[in-house]
N, C-alpha and C. Protein backbone atom coordinates (compact mmCIF):
# COMPACT_ATOMS: atom_id res chain seq x y z
N MET A 1 147.40 140.21 113.03
CA MET A 1 146.03 139.38 113.29
C MET A 1 145.11 140.50 112.27
N SER A 2 144.62 140.08 111.08
CA SER A 2 144.65 139.92 109.90
C SER A 2 142.57 140.56 110.66
N GLU A 3 142.23 141.10 109.70
CA GLU A 3 140.78 141.83 110.39
C GLU A 3 139.63 140.70 109.21
N ILE A 4 138.73 140.25 109.97
CA ILE A 4 137.77 139.22 109.64
C ILE A 4 137.34 140.30 108.17
N GLN A 5 136.16 139.64 107.38
CA GLN A 5 136.09 139.96 106.30
C GLN A 5 134.82 140.11 105.46
N LYS A 6 133.64 140.83 105.82
CA LYS A 6 132.69 140.23 105.91
C LYS A 6 131.68 141.07 105.31
N ILE A 7 130.97 140.69 104.67
CA ILE A 7 129.71 141.38 103.34
C ILE A 7 128.56 141.86 104.18
N SER A 8 127.69 142.23 103.81
CA SER A 8 126.59 143.55 104.48
C SER A 8 125.33 143.00 103.94
N LYS A 9 124.52 142.42 104.29
CA LYS A 9 123.01 142.60 103.42
C LYS A 9 121.96 142.95 104.40
N ASP A 10 121.01 144.02 103.78
CA ASP A 10 120.20 145.00 103.81
C ASP A 10 118.95 143.98 104.55
N VAL A 11 118.24 143.87 105.25
CA VAL A 11 116.85 142.09 105.84
C VAL A 11 116.10 142.82 106.04
N ASN A 12 115.54 143.82 106.11
CA ASN A 12 114.05 144.26 106.46
C ASN A 12 114.12 145.58 107.10
N GLY A 13 115.85 146.44 105.81
CA GLY A 13 115.79 147.79 107.10
C GLY A 13 116.57 147.26 108.76
N ILE A 14 117.16 146.41 108.12
CA ILE A 14 118.53 145.89 109.46
C ILE A 14 119.57 145.65 108.88
N THR A 15 120.94 145.55 109.13
CA THR A 15 121.97 145.44 108.15
C THR A 15 122.73 144.30 109.07
N VAL A 16 122.38 143.52 108.44
CA VAL A 16 123.41 141.57 108.60
C VAL A 16 124.13 141.15 108.36
N GLU A 17 125.60 140.95 108.87
CA GLU A 17 126.68 140.83 107.92
C GLU A 17 126.62 139.32 108.61
N GLN A 18 127.30 138.78 106.34
CA GLN A 18 128.11 137.32 106.27
C GLN A 18 129.18 137.48 106.81
N ARG A 19 130.30 136.26 107.23
CA ARG A 19 131.36 136.50 107.25
C ARG A 19 131.45 135.46 105.16
N ILE A 20 132.54 136.38 105.11
CA ILE A 20 133.22 135.68 103.47
C ILE A 20 133.89 134.52 103.68
N THR A 21 134.47 134.03 105.03
CA THR A 21 135.45 133.43 105.05
C THR A 21 134.28 132.02 104.81
N ASP A 22 133.74 131.65 105.34
CA ASP A 22 132.25 130.55 106.39
C ASP A 22 131.16 131.31 105.89
N GLY A 23 130.73 131.94 105.64
CA GLY A 23 129.92 132.18 105.74
C GLY A 23 128.54 132.89 106.50
N PHE A 24 129.79 132.09 108.15
CA PHE A 24 128.88 132.75 108.99
C PHE A 24 127.12 133.79 109.27
N ILE A 25 126.12 133.35 108.91
CA ILE A 25 125.53 134.61 109.91
C ILE A 25 125.25 134.77 110.80
N ASN A 26 124.97 136.72 111.27
CA ASN A 26 124.29 137.06 112.35
C ASN A 26 123.09 137.11 112.46
N GLY A 27 122.31 135.14 113.77
CA GLY A 27 122.26 134.99 113.28
C GLY A 27 120.51 136.02 114.70
N THR A 28 121.71 136.64 115.40
CA THR A 28 120.75 138.14 116.63
C THR A 28 120.15 139.37 115.40
N ALA A 29 120.57 139.57 114.01
CA ALA A 29 120.13 140.00 113.39
C ALA A 29 119.15 139.60 113.03
N MET A 30 119.51 138.30 112.34
CA MET A 30 118.94 138.04 110.90
C MET A 30 117.20 138.02 111.97
N CYS A 31 117.43 137.34 113.29
CA CYS A 31 115.77 136.73 113.83
C CYS A 31 115.38 138.67 114.60
N VAL A 32 116.37 139.53 115.06
CA VAL A 32 115.96 140.73 114.82
C VAL A 32 115.48 141.83 113.44
N ALA A 33 115.68 141.35 111.79
CA ALA A 33 115.52 141.38 110.85
C ALA A 33 114.30 141.32 110.51
N HIS A 34 113.89 140.24 111.06
CA HIS A 34 112.39 139.19 110.78
C HIS A 34 111.22 138.90 112.12
N GLY A 35 111.82 140.45 113.35
CA GLY A 35 111.13 140.37 114.63
C GLY A 35 111.28 139.16 115.22
N LYS A 36 111.78 138.71 115.75
CA LYS A 36 111.11 136.61 116.34
C LYS A 36 112.29 137.41 117.29
N ASP A 37 112.52 137.01 118.80
CA ASP A 37 112.92 136.75 119.81
C ASP A 37 113.98 136.08 120.07
N ILE A 38 115.04 135.47 120.19
CA ILE A 38 116.39 134.67 119.69
C ILE A 38 116.65 134.36 121.08
N TYR A 39 116.16 135.35 121.67
CA TYR A 39 116.06 134.69 123.90
C TYR A 39 114.66 133.78 124.48
N GLY A 40 113.27 134.43 123.60
CA GLY A 40 112.56 133.42 123.96
C GLY A 40 112.28 132.33 123.16
N MET A 41 113.72 132.17 122.04
CA MET A 41 113.29 130.86 121.06
C MET A 41 113.80 130.08 121.65
N ALA A 42 115.17 130.57 123.18
CA ALA A 42 116.08 129.09 123.65
C ALA A 42 115.38 128.47 124.91
N LEU A 43 114.38 129.88 125.09
CA LEU A 43 114.20 129.27 125.89
C LEU A 43 112.68 128.61 126.04
N ARG A 44 111.73 128.37 125.18
CA ARG A 44 110.80 127.41 124.44
C ARG A 44 111.56 126.22 124.60
N LYS A 45 112.61 126.32 123.70
CA LYS A 45 113.41 124.83 123.20
C LYS A 45 113.45 124.94 124.65
N ALA A 46 114.56 125.20 125.23
CA ALA A 46 115.26 124.72 127.23
C ALA A 46 113.44 124.22 127.79
N GLU A 47 112.37 125.15 127.68
CA GLU A 47 111.35 124.35 128.64
C GLU A 47 110.83 123.01 127.12
N ILE A 48 110.87 122.47 126.52
CA ILE A 48 110.74 121.58 125.76
C ILE A 48 111.95 120.11 126.55
N LEU A 49 113.12 120.94 126.15
CA LEU A 49 114.09 119.21 126.54
C LEU A 49 113.26 118.90 128.21
N ILE A 50 113.93 119.79 128.59
CA ILE A 50 113.50 119.73 130.08
C ILE A 50 112.23 118.95 129.68
N ASN A 51 110.27 119.35 130.06
CA ASN A 51 110.06 118.30 130.34
C ASN A 51 109.75 116.83 129.19
């Protein structure tokens, strides 16, 4: 099994990894780097969809 190739970028002092094969970026790390709460954002979106 081959290891997934990634590149790392420093975003606001947080390491954010990106897969080379498809460009996927770690969204959780990106949210942390920008002071955003991905869990809270998901909850708010769910509340909007329910109402």
